[in-house]
């Protein structure tokens, strides 16, 4: 039997984490200034401080959703055999992340992605059920004994040695492959959450960087703990352990260009490009299984994995079906300007990582962004002079490819680099144009008006 209850009875939502995050107000500034928000939703759907008890059903909070009649009602949980699941309302939110710095020195030595979740973008999620906390060792063991699951393929003993034996059945089940996690969820009548669903459940609509908010909390660093502990790391919708326990498998196959793809008209990487060559050397065709995404405390990040790991666990999700009425989240996503004015130029907020000069040029030519009621195409690499004119917004230290000056890098002023430090060319130090650098794109404001929306 499945028992449905209001979320107010069973969940304790963390307080003090409702402040919207200014990070995405200007994705190209190191210390962004909060911008004016979009017009607020109707009064019924306006977020208010979290009430308690009976008042929850009458107010629009993080613990509620808006029904078809426009009324705010509590979210619902349902009790399954081994876990409670929370009803997540449909909504629009910011997915992905913006880099904290643009330092590509390591990428130059070893071609790889540093920020696989950039650039941020707006996504829509339908309503769904998701586990309140990770699948536990005890629950998974029961599935193995029933013959519906296969045993874990590694032993996380070193991660659990400081825990009392009685708490071990309630710690997250790690050491299972993506396929094993899928198999378990299917045996419970569910599935793994998609990356969009997982991130939405963790982040909500206020663009928080971590499930609990936007400040680093040392006490919430990843480690295997009992899911029964009263750790106040609740996410926007009240889920536990999304940032303070195991990292977690989601359903998606890892696609490194996915975050950028919505802003591109065509692919830009070449088979002989530095990143493609490095990936082929590390993972020859047919040697490793397909990689899937797993997620961590910094919710906008995304990682690729192909096998079981002592720190990778999972939780299950399910479609709403007909058990409960669908709800809508009672708040709007923050605005996300991916195109911004920078002097006499416009600057695109996305970055192509580990690209040759040919790939960098192709990347800018492929960018197409809808903004200000138009579609902005015809992007290009900037010149060194242009970057020095918008240094604070362009951000460094790079190196980045330029239009005519080869690799450019921001130099230190004295001991440290400042946002306005000068950029210089490193063309004389480079043989050829195949270094794995980064690319940012600019658009000439003075050119003819951009093409109308497509």
Protein backbone atom coordinates (compact mmCIF):
# COMPACT_ATOMS: atom_id res chain seq x y z
CA UNK A 1 0.00 0.00 0.00
CA UNK A 2 1.22 3.50 -0.86
CA UNK A 3 0.44 6.14 1.76
CA UNK A 4 0.13 9.76 0.59
CA UNK A 5 0.66 12.59 3.05
CA UNK A 6 1.24 16.36 2.96
CA UNK A 7 4.92 17.25 2.90
CA UNK A 8 4.50 19.55 5.91
CA UNK A 9 4.06 16.55 8.19
CA UNK A 10 7.10 14.58 7.12
CA UNK A 11 9.76 17.04 5.97
CA UNK A 12 11.73 19.69 7.82
CA UNK A 13 12.83 22.35 5.34
CA UNK A 14 16.06 24.21 6.07
CA UNK A 15 15.45 27.84 6.93
CA UNK A 16 17.52 30.81 5.80
CA UNK A 17 18.22 29.46 2.29
CA UNK A 18 15.51 31.18 0.30
CA UNK A 19 17.55 34.22 -0.78
CA UNK A 20 17.87 34.27 -4.56
CA UNK A 21 21.41 33.89 -5.90
CA UNK A 22 22.94 36.89 -7.70
CA UNK A 23 25.60 34.79 -9.42
CA UNK A 24 23.64 34.41 -12.65
CA UNK A 25 22.43 38.01 -12.86
CA UNK A 26 25.55 38.74 -14.93
CA UNK A 27 27.34 35.54 -15.82
CA UNK A 28 30.44 37.39 -17.05
CA UNK A 29 31.31 39.28 -13.89
CA UNK A 30 33.46 37.76 -11.12
CA UNK A 31 31.38 39.50 -8.42
CA UNK A 32 27.99 40.12 -10.04
CA UNK A 33 25.65 42.81 -8.84
CA UNK A 34 22.04 41.73 -8.29
CA UNK A 35 19.82 42.85 -11.17
CA UNK A 36 16.20 43.82 -11.20
CA UNK A 37 14.02 40.73 -11.20
CA UNK A 38 11.26 39.96 -13.64
CA UNK A 39 7.76 41.04 -12.76
CA UNK A 40 6.55 39.01 -9.77
CA UNK A 41 3.93 36.30 -10.24
CA UNK A 42 0.37 36.75 -8.96
CA UNK A 43 0.02 37.16 -5.23
CA UNK A 44 -1.03 33.56 -4.74
CA UNK A 45 2.27 32.31 -6.15
CA UNK A 46 4.62 34.78 -4.46
CA UNK A 47 7.20 33.11 -2.13
CA UNK A 48 6.88 34.05 1.54
CA UNK A 49 8.84 33.04 4.67
CA UNK A 50 8.34 29.38 5.59
CA UNK A 51 5.36 28.92 7.95
CA UNK A 52 4.76 25.83 10.01
CA UNK A 53 1.92 23.49 10.89
CA UNK A 54 -1.56 24.17 9.56
CA UNK A 55 -0.54 27.54 8.04
CA UNK A 56 1.51 25.72 5.39
CA UNK A 57 -1.55 24.78 3.35
CA UNK A 58 -2.66 28.40 3.05
CA UNK A 59 0.60 30.07 1.97
CA UNK A 60 2.88 29.76 -1.07
CA UNK A 61 6.25 28.52 0.17
CA UNK A 62 8.97 26.14 -0.91
CA UNK A 63 6.84 23.34 0.55
CA UNK A 64 3.86 24.02 -1.69
CA UNK A 65 2.70 23.94 -5.29
CA UNK A 66 0.01 25.71 -7.25
CA UNK A 67 -2.90 23.52 -8.36
CA UNK A 68 -5.17 23.89 -11.41
CA UNK A 69 -7.40 26.29 -9.49
CA UNK A 70 -4.48 28.62 -8.75
CA UNK A 71 -4.42 27.68 -5.06
CA UNK A 72 -1.30 26.90 -3.07
CA UNK A 73 -1.44 23.43 -1.52
CA UNK A 74 1.19 21.39 0.33
CA UNK A 75 3.36 19.07 -1.70
CA UNK A 76 2.74 15.41 -1.01
CA UNK A 77 4.96 12.54 0.02
CA UNK A 78 4.21 8.88 -0.46
CA UNK A 79 5.56 6.04 1.66
CA UNK A 80 7.14 3.19 -0.29
CA UNK A 81 8.61 0.04 1.24
CA UNK A 82 12.06 1.50 1.94
CA UNK A 83 11.77 5.26 1.45
CA UNK A 84 9.48 8.25 1.28
CA UNK A 85 9.13 9.99 -2.07
CA UNK A 86 8.43 13.68 -2.52
CA UNK A 87 6.16 15.16 -5.18
CA UNK A 88 8.12 17.78 -7.12
CA UNK A 89 5.97 20.40 -8.89
CA UNK A 90 6.64 21.37 -12.49
CA UNK A 91 8.63 24.55 -13.04
CA UNK A 92 11.25 26.50 -14.94
CA UNK A 93 14.71 26.97 -13.47
CA UNK A 94 18.37 27.70 -14.24
CA UNK A 95 20.38 24.56 -14.92
CA UNK A 96 24.15 24.38 -15.26
CA UNK A 97 26.86 26.63 -13.88
CA UNK A 98 29.15 29.54 -14.67
CA UNK A 99 32.90 29.12 -14.04
CA UNK A 100 34.35 30.65 -10.89
CA UNK A 101 37.46 31.58 -12.86
CA UNK A 102 38.71 31.30 -16.44
CA UNK A 103 42.11 29.75 -15.77
CA UNK A 104 43.02 27.33 -18.56
CA UNK A 105 46.68 26.75 -17.68
CA UNK A 106 46.00 23.12 -16.67
CA UNK A 107 43.83 22.54 -19.72
CA UNK A 108 46.71 23.66 -21.89
CA UNK A 109 48.88 20.91 -20.44
CA UNK A 110 46.13 18.26 -20.41
CA UNK A 111 43.16 18.81 -22.75
CA UNK A 112 39.92 18.22 -20.87
CA UNK A 113 36.79 20.02 -19.73
CA UNK A 114 37.02 21.95 -16.49
CA UNK A 115 33.41 23.17 -16.48
CA UNK A 116 31.25 20.56 -18.17
CA UNK A 117 28.11 22.30 -16.84
CA UNK A 118 28.66 25.69 -18.47
CA UNK A 119 27.05 27.82 -19.65
CA UNK A 120 23.95 28.05 -17.47
CA UNK A 121 20.65 27.87 -19.30
CA UNK A 122 16.93 27.87 -18.56
CA UNK A 123 15.20 24.48 -18.47
CA UNK A 124 11.69 23.20 -17.83
CA UNK A 125 10.87 20.20 -15.66
CA UNK A 126 7.55 18.40 -15.43
CA UNK A 127 6.34 17.15 -12.06
CA UNK A 128 7.64 13.81 -10.73
CA UNK A 129 8.26 11.74 -7.62
CA UNK A 130 11.79 11.42 -6.18
CA UNK A 131 13.26 9.66 -3.13
CA UNK A 132 13.67 11.77 -0.02
CA UNK A 133 17.19 10.36 0.43
CA UNK A 134 19.59 7.96 -1.29
CA UNK A 135 18.93 4.24 -1.67
CA UNK A 136 20.43 2.58 1.41
CA UNK A 137 22.61 -0.48 1.77
CA UNK A 138 19.81 -2.20 3.66
CA UNK A 139 17.26 -1.54 0.92
CA UNK A 140 19.65 -2.68 -1.80
CA UNK A 141 20.58 -5.83 0.12
CA UNK A 142 16.89 -6.71 0.26
CA UNK A 143 16.67 -6.36 -3.52
CA UNK A 144 19.70 -8.64 -3.94
CA UNK A 145 18.15 -11.27 -1.66
CA UNK A 146 14.93 -11.14 -3.68
CA UNK A 147 16.90 -11.95 -6.83
CA UNK A 148 15.89 -8.69 -8.54
CA UNK A 149 19.31 -7.00 -8.10
CA UNK A 150 22.93 -8.07 -8.38
CA UNK A 151 25.55 -7.66 -5.60
CA UNK A 152 27.70 -4.49 -5.42
CA UNK A 153 30.94 -4.74 -7.36
CA UNK A 154 33.27 -3.04 -4.88
CA UNK A 155 33.49 -2.49 -1.14
CA UNK A 156 33.37 1.03 0.40
CA UNK A 157 34.64 -0.29 3.75
CA UNK A 158 37.28 2.43 4.11
CA UNK A 159 34.56 5.07 3.81
CA UNK A 160 32.47 3.41 6.53
CA UNK A 161 35.04 2.30 9.09
CA UNK A 162 34.31 5.17 11.51
CA UNK A 163 30.56 4.52 11.59
CA UNK A 164 28.89 2.34 14.23
CA UNK A 165 27.82 -1.07 12.82
CA UNK A 166 24.15 -0.45 13.56
CA UNK A 167 24.10 2.57 11.21
CA UNK A 168 25.59 0.77 8.20
CA UNK A 169 22.26 -0.50 6.75
CA UNK A 170 21.10 3.14 6.60
CA UNK A 171 24.14 4.48 4.69
CA UNK A 172 23.87 5.10 0.94
CA UNK A 173 24.45 2.12 -1.32
CA UNK A 174 27.52 2.90 -3.42
CA UNK A 175 29.76 0.56 -5.42
CA UNK A 176 27.03 -0.18 -7.95
CA UNK A 177 27.23 0.53 -11.66
CA UNK A 178 24.80 2.73 -13.53
CA UNK A 179 23.09 -0.38 -14.88
CA UNK A 180 22.72 -1.82 -11.37
CA UNK A 181 21.20 1.44 -10.13
CA UNK A 182 18.73 1.38 -13.02
CA UNK A 183 17.90 -2.25 -12.24
CA UNK A 184 17.16 -1.47 -8.59
CA UNK A 185 14.88 1.47 -9.43
CA UNK A 186 13.01 -0.61 -12.01
CA UNK A 187 12.48 -3.33 -9.39
CA UNK A 188 10.80 -0.70 -7.19
CA UNK A 189 8.54 0.43 -10.03
CA UNK A 190 10.59 3.54 -10.78
CA UNK A 191 13.64 4.79 -12.64
CA UNK A 192 16.71 6.94 -12.17
CA UNK A 193 15.97 10.69 -12.29
CA UNK A 194 17.13 12.58 -15.35
CA UNK A 195 19.88 15.16 -14.91
CA UNK A 196 17.30 17.95 -15.29
CA UNK A 197 15.05 16.37 -12.64
CA UNK A 198 17.92 15.79 -10.19
CA UNK A 199 19.25 19.33 -10.54
CA UNK A 200 15.79 20.87 -10.28
CA UNK A 201 15.03 18.86 -7.14
CA UNK A 202 18.34 19.99 -5.65
CA UNK A 203 18.39 23.61 -6.81
CA UNK A 204 14.80 24.75 -7.10
CA UNK A 205 14.09 28.09 -8.78
CA UNK A 206 16.39 30.41 -6.81
CA UNK A 207 19.60 29.37 -8.61
CA UNK A 208 21.36 28.16 -5.46
CA UNK A 209 24.85 26.76 -5.99
CA UNK A 210 24.49 23.93 -3.46
CA UNK A 211 21.35 22.06 -2.37
CA UNK A 212 21.27 23.89 0.98
CA UNK A 213 21.98 27.39 -0.41
CA UNK A 214 24.89 29.29 -1.91
CA UNK A 215 27.52 29.34 0.81
CA UNK A 216 30.22 26.67 1.20
CA UNK A 217 29.48 24.68 4.36
CA UNK A 218 32.36 22.56 5.63
CA UNK A 219 30.01 20.33 7.61
CA UNK A 220 28.27 19.33 4.38
CA UNK A 221 31.26 17.95 2.50
CA UNK A 222 30.61 14.64 0.76
CA UNK A 223 31.01 11.54 2.93
CA UNK A 224 28.99 8.42 3.65
CA UNK A 225 26.66 8.95 6.60
CA UNK A 226 23.41 7.42 7.76
CA UNK A 227 20.42 8.85 5.92
CA UNK A 228 18.60 8.88 9.27
CA UNK A 229 20.87 11.58 10.71
CA UNK A 230 19.14 14.91 11.24
CA UNK A 231 21.50 16.90 8.98
CA UNK A 232 19.85 20.18 8.01
CA UNK A 233 21.09 20.15 4.40
CA UNK A 234 17.60 20.10 2.91
CA UNK A 235 17.31 21.16 -0.73
CA UNK A 236 14.82 23.68 -2.12
CA UNK A 237 12.12 20.98 -2.05
CA UNK A 238 13.27 19.40 1.21
CA UNK A 239 15.31 16.45 -0.12
CA UNK A 240 18.18 15.14 2.02
CA UNK A 241 21.75 14.15 1.21
CA UNK A 242 22.01 15.70 -2.25
CA UNK A 243 25.19 17.47 -1.19
CA UNK A 244 26.28 15.92 2.10
CA UNK A 245 26.42 12.22 1.27
CA UNK A 246 27.33 10.18 -1.82
CA UNK A 247 27.49 11.65 -5.30
CA UNK A 248 24.65 10.22 -7.39
CA UNK A 249 23.98 8.55 -10.72
CA UNK A 250 21.33 10.08 -12.99
CA UNK A 251 19.79 8.55 -16.10
CA UNK A 252 21.58 10.56 -18.79
CA UNK A 253 24.42 9.44 -21.04
CA UNK A 254 27.22 11.99 -20.70
CA UNK A 255 27.32 14.45 -23.62
CA UNK A 256 30.13 16.93 -23.09
CA UNK A 257 28.65 19.53 -25.46
CA UNK A 258 25.08 19.36 -24.13
CA UNK A 259 25.08 22.70 -22.21
CA UNK A 260 26.45 24.56 -25.24
CA UNK A 261 24.32 22.78 -27.82
CA UNK A 262 21.25 24.94 -27.26
CA UNK A 263 23.27 27.99 -28.35
CA UNK A 264 24.90 26.43 -31.41
CA UNK A 265 23.63 25.97 -34.97
CA UNK A 266 26.13 23.20 -35.72
CA UNK A 267 29.03 21.25 -34.14
CA UNK A 268 32.40 22.95 -33.95
CA UNK A 269 34.85 20.26 -32.82
CA UNK A 270 37.04 18.48 -35.38
CA UNK A 271 38.13 14.82 -35.26
CA UNK A 272 41.77 15.90 -35.05
CA UNK A 273 41.10 18.62 -32.48
CA UNK A 274 43.03 18.53 -29.16
CA UNK A 275 40.14 17.41 -26.96
CA UNK A 276 38.91 14.73 -29.35
CA UNK A 277 42.43 13.37 -29.71
CA UNK A 278 42.98 13.35 -25.92
CA UNK A 279 39.68 11.55 -25.33
CA UNK A 280 40.44 8.91 -27.95
CA UNK A 281 43.87 8.29 -26.40
CA UNK A 282 42.32 7.90 -22.93
CA UNK A 283 39.32 5.83 -24.05
CA UNK A 284 39.99 3.86 -27.24
CA UNK A 285 36.75 2.86 -29.02
CA UNK A 286 35.26 -0.32 -27.58
CA UNK A 287 37.52 -0.38 -24.54
CA UNK A 288 35.16 1.23 -22.02
CA UNK A 289 31.43 1.25 -21.44
CA UNK A 290 29.23 4.22 -22.26
CA UNK A 291 29.72 7.01 -19.73
CA UNK A 292 26.78 8.33 -17.72
CA UNK A 293 26.33 11.49 -15.70
CA UNK A 294 26.68 11.65 -11.94
CA UNK A 295 26.00 14.75 -9.86
CA UNK A 296 27.53 16.28 -6.74
CA UNK A 297 27.09 19.01 -4.13
CA UNK A 298 27.81 21.84 -6.56
CA UNK A 299 24.61 21.14 -8.40
CA UNK A 300 25.50 22.81 -11.70
CA UNK A 301 28.55 20.59 -12.20
CA UNK A 302 28.32 17.33 -14.12
CA UNK A 303 30.72 14.40 -14.24
CA UNK A 304 31.13 11.34 -16.43
CA UNK A 305 31.48 7.82 -15.05
CA UNK A 306 31.58 4.34 -16.56
CA UNK A 307 31.73 2.02 -13.57
CA UNK A 308 30.98 1.49 -9.89
CA UNK A 309 32.69 3.73 -7.34
CA UNK A 310 32.84 3.75 -3.49
CA UNK A 311 31.42 7.28 -3.42
CA UNK A 312 28.76 7.12 -6.15
CA UNK A 313 25.26 6.15 -5.02
CA UNK A 314 21.80 6.94 -6.36
CA UNK A 315 18.15 7.63 -5.61
CA UNK A 316 15.05 6.74 -7.62
CA UNK A 317 12.34 8.78 -9.29
CA UNK A 318 8.99 8.03 -10.92
CA UNK A 319 6.37 9.70 -13.08
CA UNK A 320 3.45 11.17 -11.15
CA UNK A 321 0.86 9.00 -12.84
CA UNK A 322 -2.68 9.52 -11.63
CA UNK A 323 -2.12 9.28 -7.87
CA UNK A 324 -1.91 13.03 -7.26
CA UNK A 325 -2.86 16.15 -9.17
CA UNK A 326 0.10 17.85 -10.90
CA UNK A 327 1.30 21.10 -9.34
CA UNK A 328 3.35 24.09 -10.48
CA UNK A 329 6.13 25.64 -8.40
CA UNK A 330 4.91 28.94 -6.86
CA UNK A 331 7.92 31.02 -8.00
CA UNK A 332 9.58 32.10 -11.22
CA UNK A 333 13.11 31.31 -12.35
CA UNK A 334 15.63 34.13 -12.12
CA UNK A 335 16.46 35.97 -15.36
CA UNK A 336 19.53 34.71 -17.20
CA UNK A 337 21.25 37.17 -19.58
CA UNK A 338 23.65 35.12 -21.73
CA UNK A 339 24.31 38.12 -23.99
CA UNK A 340 25.48 41.38 -22.46
CA UNK A 341 26.79 44.73 -23.61
CA UNK A 342 30.54 45.20 -23.15
CA UNK A 343 31.72 48.57 -24.44
CA UNK A 344 31.09 48.64 -28.18
CA UNK A 345 30.63 44.85 -28.25
CA UNK A 346 28.25 42.20 -27.04
CA UNK A 347 29.73 39.23 -25.19
CA UNK A 348 28.39 35.67 -25.16
CA UNK A 349 28.44 33.97 -21.75
CA UNK A 350 29.46 30.51 -22.98
CA UNK A 351 33.00 29.22 -23.44
CA UNK A 352 34.46 26.57 -25.72
CA UNK A 353 37.11 24.68 -23.76
CA UNK A 354 40.23 22.93 -25.06
CA UNK A 355 39.89 24.03 -28.69
CA UNK A 356 42.37 24.69 -31.49
CA UNK A 357 42.24 28.02 -33.31
CA UNK A 358 40.24 26.44 -36.14
CA UNK A 359 37.73 25.03 -33.65
CA UNK A 360 37.56 28.36 -31.79
CA UNK A 361 36.74 30.17 -35.03
CA UNK A 362 34.13 27.53 -35.93
CA UNK A 363 32.63 27.78 -32.43
CA UNK A 364 31.97 31.52 -32.68
CA UNK A 365 30.59 31.14 -36.19
CA UNK A 366 28.13 28.52 -34.88
CA UNK A 367 26.82 30.54 -31.91
CA UNK A 368 23.19 31.67 -32.20
CA UNK A 369 21.54 33.18 -29.13
CA UNK A 370 18.01 34.44 -28.64
CA UNK A 371 18.09 37.64 -26.59
CA UNK A 372 16.26 40.97 -26.50
CA UNK A 373 13.59 39.61 -28.81
CA UNK A 374 16.07 38.70 -31.56
CA UNK A 375 18.44 35.95 -32.59
CA UNK A 376 22.07 37.03 -32.38
CA UNK A 377 24.31 35.28 -34.91
CA UNK A 378 27.54 36.32 -36.68
CA UNK A 379 29.76 36.02 -33.61
CA UNK A 380 33.56 36.10 -33.87
CA UNK A 381 36.75 35.90 -31.83
CA UNK A 382 37.85 39.24 -30.29
CA UNK A 383 41.13 41.00 -30.96
CA UNK A 384 43.70 41.62 -28.23
CA UNK A 385 42.87 45.34 -28.27
CA UNK A 386 39.18 44.61 -27.80
CA UNK A 387 39.80 42.27 -24.88
CA UNK A 388 41.93 44.90 -23.13
CA UNK A 389 39.03 47.31 -23.57
CA UNK A 390 36.60 44.97 -21.76
CA UNK A 391 39.08 43.16 -19.46
CA UNK A 392 36.92 43.27 -16.33
CA UNK A 393 33.94 41.72 -18.11
CA UNK A 394 35.93 39.33 -20.30
CA UNK A 395 37.66 37.84 -17.26
CA UNK A 396 40.90 35.90 -17.13
CA UNK A 397 43.55 34.76 -16.88
CA UNK A 398 43.03 32.52 -19.92
CA UNK A 399 44.71 31.79 -22.25
CA UNK A 400 42.08 32.40 -24.94
CA UNK A 401 42.31 32.44 -28.71
CA UNK A 402 42.09 35.89 -30.33
CA UNK A 403 41.11 36.87 -33.85
CA UNK A 404 44.54 38.04 -35.04
CA UNK A 405 46.98 37.90 -32.13
CA UNK A 406 47.12 34.17 -31.42
CA UNK A 407 46.85 33.06 -27.77
CA UNK A 408 46.25 35.90 -25.33
CA UNK A 409 46.68 35.73 -21.55
CA UNK A 410 46.08 38.15 -18.70
CA UNK A 411 49.23 39.17 -16.83
CA UNK A 412 49.65 39.88 -13.15
CA UNK A 413 49.81 43.38 -11.74
CA UNK A 414 52.47 42.96 -9.11
CA UNK A 415 51.79 39.82 -7.08
CA UNK A 416 48.18 39.17 -8.00
CA UNK A 417 45.90 39.41 -11.02
CA UNK A 418 43.07 41.90 -10.92
CA UNK A 419 39.99 41.88 -13.16
CA UNK A 420 41.37 44.83 -15.14
CA UNK A 421 44.91 43.51 -15.55
CA UNK A 422 46.32 43.82 -19.07
CA UNK A 423 46.16 41.04 -21.65
CA UNK A 424 49.16 40.23 -23.84
CA UNK A 425 49.79 38.02 -26.86
CA UNK A 426 51.68 34.75 -26.56
CA UNK A 427 51.82 34.16 -30.31
CA UNK A 428 55.61 34.18 -30.32
CA UNK A 429 55.65 31.25 -27.84
CA UNK A 430 53.31 29.00 -29.83
CA UNK A 431 54.17 26.74 -32.71
CA UNK A 432 51.10 26.37 -34.88
CA UNK A 433 47.50 26.91 -33.83
CA UNK A 434 46.65 23.59 -32.22
CA UNK A 435 47.14 24.40 -28.53
CA UNK A 436 44.07 23.40 -26.43
CA UNK A 437 43.04 26.91 -25.37
CA UNK A 438 39.60 28.43 -24.69
CA UNK A 439 37.36 30.60 -26.85
CA UNK A 440 34.96 33.44 -26.05
CA UNK A 441 32.90 35.19 -28.67
CA UNK A 442 31.94 38.82 -29.30
CA UNK A 443 29.38 40.49 -31.55
CA UNK A 444 29.66 43.93 -33.11
CA UNK A 445 26.90 46.15 -31.74
CA UNK A 446 27.31 48.65 -34.58
CA UNK A 447 26.59 46.08 -37.28
CA UNK A 448 23.21 45.78 -38.95
CA UNK A 449 20.38 44.63 -36.72
CA UNK A 450 20.47 40.92 -35.88
CA UNK A 451 18.17 38.54 -37.67
CA UNK A 452 14.62 38.09 -36.30
CA UNK A 453 13.87 35.09 -34.07
CA UNK A 454 13.92 31.71 -35.82
